[in-house]
C-alpha atoms as a PDB file:
ATOM      1  CA  UNK A   1       0.000   0.000   0.000  1.00  0.00           C
ATOM      2  CA  UNK A   2       1.716   3.167  -1.151  1.00  0.00           C
ATOM      3  CA  UNK A   3      -0.371   5.886   0.489  1.00  0.00           C
ATOM      4  CA  UNK A   4      -3.293   6.269   2.861  1.00  0.00           C
ATOM      5  CA  UNK A   5      -3.953   9.881   1.849  1.00  0.00           C
ATOM      6  CA  UNK A   6      -7.478  10.316   0.578  1.00  0.00           C
ATOM      7  CA  UNK A   7     -11.092   9.507   1.288  1.00  0.00           C
ATOM      8  CA  UNK A   8     -12.131   6.102   2.589  1.00  0.00           C
ATOM      9  CA  UNK A   9     -15.551   4.618   3.238  1.00  0.00           C
ATOM     10  CA  UNK A  10     -16.369   1.610   5.334  1.00  0.00           C
ATOM     11  CA  UNK A  11     -18.304   0.215   8.238  1.00  0.00           C
ATOM     12  CA  UNK A  12     -17.885  -1.287  11.658  1.00  0.00           C
ATOM     13  CA  UNK A  13     -20.059  -3.995  13.127  1.00  0.00           C
ATOM     14  CA  UNK A  14     -20.936  -4.265  16.820  1.00  0.00           C
ATOM     15  CA  UNK A  15     -19.808  -7.465  18.552  1.00  0.00           C
ATOM     16  CA  UNK A  16     -21.734  -9.751  20.918  1.00  0.00           C
ATOM     17  CA  UNK A  17     -21.034  -7.591  24.009  1.00  0.00           C
ATOM     18  CA  UNK A  18     -23.677  -5.143  22.766  1.00  0.00           C
ATOM     19  CA  UNK A  19     -26.552  -7.585  23.288  1.00  0.00           C
ATOM     20  CA  UNK A  20     -29.295  -8.874  21.023  1.00  0.00           C
ATOM     21  CA  UNK A  21     -30.587  -5.494  19.875  1.00  0.00           C
ATOM     22  CA  UNK A  22     -27.242  -4.085  18.714  1.00  0.00           C
ATOM     23  CA  UNK A  23     -24.940  -7.057  18.088  1.00  0.00           C
ATOM     24  CA  UNK A  24     -24.307  -7.424  14.358  1.00  0.00           C
ATOM     25  CA  UNK A  25     -25.536  -3.894  13.648  1.00  0.00           C
ATOM     26  CA  UNK A  26     -23.510  -2.191  10.914  1.00  0.00           C
ATOM     27  CA  UNK A  27     -22.493   1.491  11.136  1.00  0.00           C
ATOM     28  CA  UNK A  28     -21.085   3.176   8.055  1.00  0.00           C
ATOM     29  CA  UNK A  29     -18.222   5.657   8.369  1.00  0.00           C
ATOM     30  CA  UNK A  30     -16.181   7.965   6.179  1.00  0.00           C
ATOM     31  CA  UNK A  31     -12.508   8.740   6.800  1.00  0.00           C
ATOM     32  CA  UNK A  32     -10.384  11.555   5.456  1.00  0.00           C
ATOM     33  CA  UNK A  33      -6.727  10.562   5.885  1.00  0.00           C
ATOM     34  CA  UNK A  34      -3.336  12.192   5.307  1.00  0.00           C
ATOM     35  CA  UNK A  35       0.079  10.526   5.272  1.00  0.00           C
ATOM     36  CA  UNK A  36       2.398  12.058   7.904  1.00  0.00           C
ATOM     37  CA  UNK A  37       5.612  10.163   7.063  1.00  0.00           C
ATOM     38  CA  UNK A  38       7.279   6.920   8.147  1.00  0.00           C
ATOM     39  CA  UNK A  39       4.212   4.874   7.091  1.00  0.00           C
ATOM     40  CA  UNK A  40       2.056   6.831   9.553  1.00  0.00           C
ATOM     41  CA  UNK A  41      -1.201   8.642   8.873  1.00  0.00           C
ATOM     42  CA  UNK A  42      -3.826  10.719  10.647  1.00  0.00           C
ATOM     43  CA  UNK A  43      -7.195  12.182   9.884  1.00  0.00           C
ATOM     44  CA  UNK A  44     -10.837  12.359  10.856  1.00  0.00           C
ATOM     45  CA  UNK A  45     -13.690   9.888  10.832  1.00  0.00           C
ATOM     46  CA  UNK A  46     -17.408  10.563  10.779  1.00  0.00           C
ATOM     47  CA  UNK A  47     -19.878   7.795  11.527  1.00  0.00           C
ATOM     48  CA  UNK A  48     -22.791   8.217   9.144  1.00  0.00           C
ATOM     49  CA  UNK A  49     -25.737   6.290  10.598  1.00  0.00           C
ATOM     50  CA  UNK A  50     -25.086   6.068  14.326  1.00  0.00           C
ATOM     51  CA  UNK A  51     -26.999   7.804  17.097  1.00  0.00           C
ATOM     52  CA  UNK A  52     -23.829   7.631  19.157  1.00  0.00           C
ATOM     53  CA  UNK A  53     -21.371   9.480  17.004  1.00  0.00           C
ATOM     54  CA  UNK A  54     -23.030  11.084  13.985  1.00  0.00           C
ATOM     55  CA  UNK A  55     -22.123  14.586  15.203  1.00  0.00           C
ATOM     56  CA  UNK A  56     -19.068  13.452  17.140  1.00  0.00           C
ATOM     57  CA  UNK A  57     -16.163  13.208  14.653  1.00  0.00           C
ATOM     58  CA  UNK A  58     -13.271  11.021  15.740  1.00  0.00           C
ATOM     59  CA  UNK A  59      -9.548  11.658  15.348  1.00  0.00           C
ATOM     60  CA  UNK A  60      -7.595   8.917  13.567  1.00  0.00           C
ATOM     61  CA  UNK A  61      -3.898   8.113  14.104  1.00  0.00           C
ATOM     62  CA  UNK A  62      -2.236   5.025  12.772  1.00  0.00           C
ATOM     63  CA  UNK A  63       0.390   3.248  10.747  1.00  0.00           C
ATOM     64  CA  UNK A  64       0.629   0.767   7.929  1.00  0.00           C
ATOM     65  CA  UNK A  65       3.360  -1.830   7.462  1.00  0.00           C
ATOM     66  CA  UNK A  66       3.201  -3.988   4.339  1.00  0.00           C
ATOM     67  CA  UNK A  67      -0.426  -5.216   4.322  1.00  0.00           C
ATOM     68  CA  UNK A  68      -0.992  -4.682   8.093  1.00  0.00           C
ATOM     69  CA  UNK A  69      -2.839  -1.581   9.338  1.00  0.00           C
ATOM     70  CA  UNK A  70      -3.325  -0.349  12.897  1.00  0.00           C
ATOM     71  CA  UNK A  71      -5.014   2.849  14.026  1.00  0.00           C
ATOM     72  CA  UNK A  72      -6.812   4.458  16.922  1.00  0.00           C
ATOM     73  CA  UNK A  73     -10.129   6.229  16.684  1.00  0.00           C
ATOM     74  CA  UNK A  74     -10.643   8.828  19.421  1.00  0.00           C
ATOM     75  CA  UNK A  75     -14.038  10.464  19.930  1.00  0.00           C
ATOM     76  CA  UNK A  76     -14.479  13.825  21.660  1.00  0.00           C
ATOM     77  CA  UNK A  77     -17.243  12.449  23.896  1.00  0.00           C
ATOM     78  CA  UNK A  78     -18.118   8.989  25.164  1.00  0.00           C
ATOM     79  CA  UNK A  79     -21.696   7.769  24.880  1.00  0.00           C
ATOM     80  CA  UNK A  80     -23.139   4.748  26.609  1.00  0.00           C
ATOM     81  CA  UNK A  81     -25.961   2.522  25.360  1.00  0.00           C
ATOM     82  CA  UNK A  82     -28.398   1.068  27.876  1.00  0.00           C
ATOM     83  CA  UNK A  83     -30.368  -2.185  27.530  1.00  0.00           C
ATOM     84  CA  UNK A  84     -33.119  -0.331  25.646  1.00  0.00           C
ATOM     85  CA  UNK A  85     -30.555   1.125  23.182  1.00  0.00           C
ATOM     86  CA  UNK A  86     -30.953   4.605  24.669  1.00  0.00           C
ATOM     87  CA  UNK A  87     -27.834   6.670  23.959  1.00  0.00           C
ATOM     88  CA  UNK A  88     -26.581   9.053  26.652  1.00  0.00           C
ATOM     89  CA  UNK A  89     -23.301  10.915  27.240  1.00  0.00           C
ATOM     90  CA  UNK A  90     -21.107   9.259  29.868  1.00  0.00           C
ATOM     91  CA  UNK A  91     -19.087  12.077  31.411  1.00  0.00           C
ATOM     92  CA  UNK A  92     -16.617  10.123  33.621  1.00  0.00           C
ATOM     93  CA  UNK A  93     -14.907   8.850  30.482  1.00  0.00           C
ATOM     94  CA  UNK A  94     -13.679  11.523  28.137  1.00  0.00           C
ATOM     95  CA  UNK A  95     -12.118  10.940  24.752  1.00  0.00           C
ATOM     96  CA  UNK A  96     -12.767   7.225  24.380  1.00  0.00           C
ATOM     97  CA  UNK A  97     -10.279   5.454  22.140  1.00  0.00           C
ATOM     98  CA  UNK A  98     -10.949   2.426  19.969  1.00  0.00           C
ATOM     99  CA  UNK A  99      -8.161   0.270  18.545  1.00  0.00           C
ATOM    100  CA  UNK A 100      -8.454  -1.018  14.991  1.00  0.00           C
ATOM    101  CA  UNK A 101      -6.180  -3.668  13.421  1.00  0.00           C
ATOM    102  CA  UNK A 102      -6.492  -5.369  10.092  1.00  0.00           C
ATOM    103  CA  UNK A 103      -5.041  -6.337   6.743  1.00  0.00           C
ATOM    104  CA  UNK A 104      -5.198  -5.123   3.169  1.00  0.00           C
ATOM    105  CA  UNK A 105      -6.631  -7.487   0.567  1.00  0.00           C
ATOM    106  CA  UNK A 106      -5.248  -6.557  -2.870  1.00  0.00           C
ATOM    107  CA  UNK A 107      -7.919  -8.617  -4.606  1.00  0.00           C
ATOM    108  CA  UNK A 108     -10.821  -6.616  -3.151  1.00  0.00           C
ATOM    109  CA  UNK A 109      -8.657  -3.481  -2.710  1.00  0.00           C
ATOM    110  CA  UNK A 110      -9.949  -3.103   0.839  1.00  0.00           C
ATOM    111  CA  UNK A 111      -8.930  -3.358   4.481  1.00  0.00           C
ATOM    112  CA  UNK A 112     -10.747  -5.453   7.066  1.00  0.00           C
ATOM    113  CA  UNK A 113     -10.117  -6.544  10.622  1.00  0.00           C
ATOM    114  CA  UNK A 114     -11.193  -6.260  14.240  1.00  0.00           C
ATOM    115  CA  UNK A 115     -11.729  -3.371  16.622  1.00  0.00           C
ATOM    116  CA  UNK A 116     -11.628  -3.256  20.396  1.00  0.00           C
ATOM    117  CA  UNK A 117     -12.692  -0.749  23.009  1.00  0.00           C
ATOM    118  CA  UNK A 118     -11.795  -0.716  26.679  1.00  0.00           C
ATOM    119  CA  UNK A 119     -14.572   1.040  28.576  1.00  0.00           C
ATOM    120  CA  UNK A 120     -15.080   1.467  32.276  1.00  0.00           C
ATOM    121  CA  UNK A 121     -12.393   0.128  34.568  1.00  0.00           C
ATOM    122  CA  UNK A 122     -13.260  -0.525  38.212  1.00  0.00           C
ATOM    123  CA  UNK A 123     -11.729  -2.257  41.216  1.00  0.00           C
ATOM    124  CA  UNK A 124     -13.984  -4.735  43.046  1.00  0.00           C
ATOM    125  CA  UNK A 125     -12.546  -6.115  46.277  1.00  0.00           C
ATOM    126  CA  UNK A 126      -9.391  -7.980  45.301  1.00  0.00           C
ATOM    127  CA  UNK A 127     -10.325  -8.012  41.604  1.00  0.00           C
ATOM    128  CA  UNK A 128     -10.300  -5.677  38.681  1.00  0.00           C
ATOM    129  CA  UNK A 129     -13.187  -5.201  36.247  1.00  0.00           C
ATOM    130  CA  UNK A 130     -12.655  -3.963  32.686  1.00  0.00           C
ATOM    131  CA  UNK A 131     -15.503  -3.429  30.258  1.00  0.00           C
ATOM    132  CA  UNK A 132     -14.363  -4.634  26.831  1.00  0.00           C
ATOM    133  CA  UNK A 133     -16.280  -4.297  23.572  1.00  0.00           C
ATOM    134  CA  UNK A 134     -15.267  -5.738  20.219  1.00  0.00           C
ATOM    135  CA  UNK A 135     -16.367  -5.961  16.631  1.00  0.00           C
ATOM    136  CA  UNK A 136     -15.221  -6.127  13.041  1.00  0.00           C
ATOM    137  CA  UNK A 137     -14.650  -3.468  10.384  1.00  0.00           C
ATOM    138  CA  UNK A 138     -13.839  -2.943   6.725  1.00  0.00           C
ATOM    139  CA  UNK A 139     -13.015   0.025   4.498  1.00  0.00           C
ATOM    140  CA  UNK A 140     -12.194   0.859   0.921  1.00  0.00           C
ATOM    141  CA  UNK A 141     -10.821   3.933  -0.857  1.00  0.00           C
ATOM    142  CA  UNK A 142     -13.579   6.102  -2.369  1.00  0.00           C
END
């Protein structure tokens, strides 16, 4: 992959941690990326059909090495989803960051992979609780 500069369109899919109502739900996104040197890139991402982040653009920072891609997606505000799929801001956690990893497929000319989000972290007695959410994603140059 020579350059990441340009417009990209794709989607992410919510994993099983989101429950029956949201698991498997697909959210389309659009990225505008710029190469910054040394196989690194940055840019912005806008989720197109999500009540959580439609007006909450995310900052993208990542790198590409051969056919492997890794980037973070950092939103300005964190939103939580309750069991009834109600979306509300969650103020204790600011600037949530999602980690995306994947590979380029030259045949389809697209990237695909997995994403992961570490949410609330709490200490319970002698243990430690971490809320983890996962899913898959794919994107292609526009």
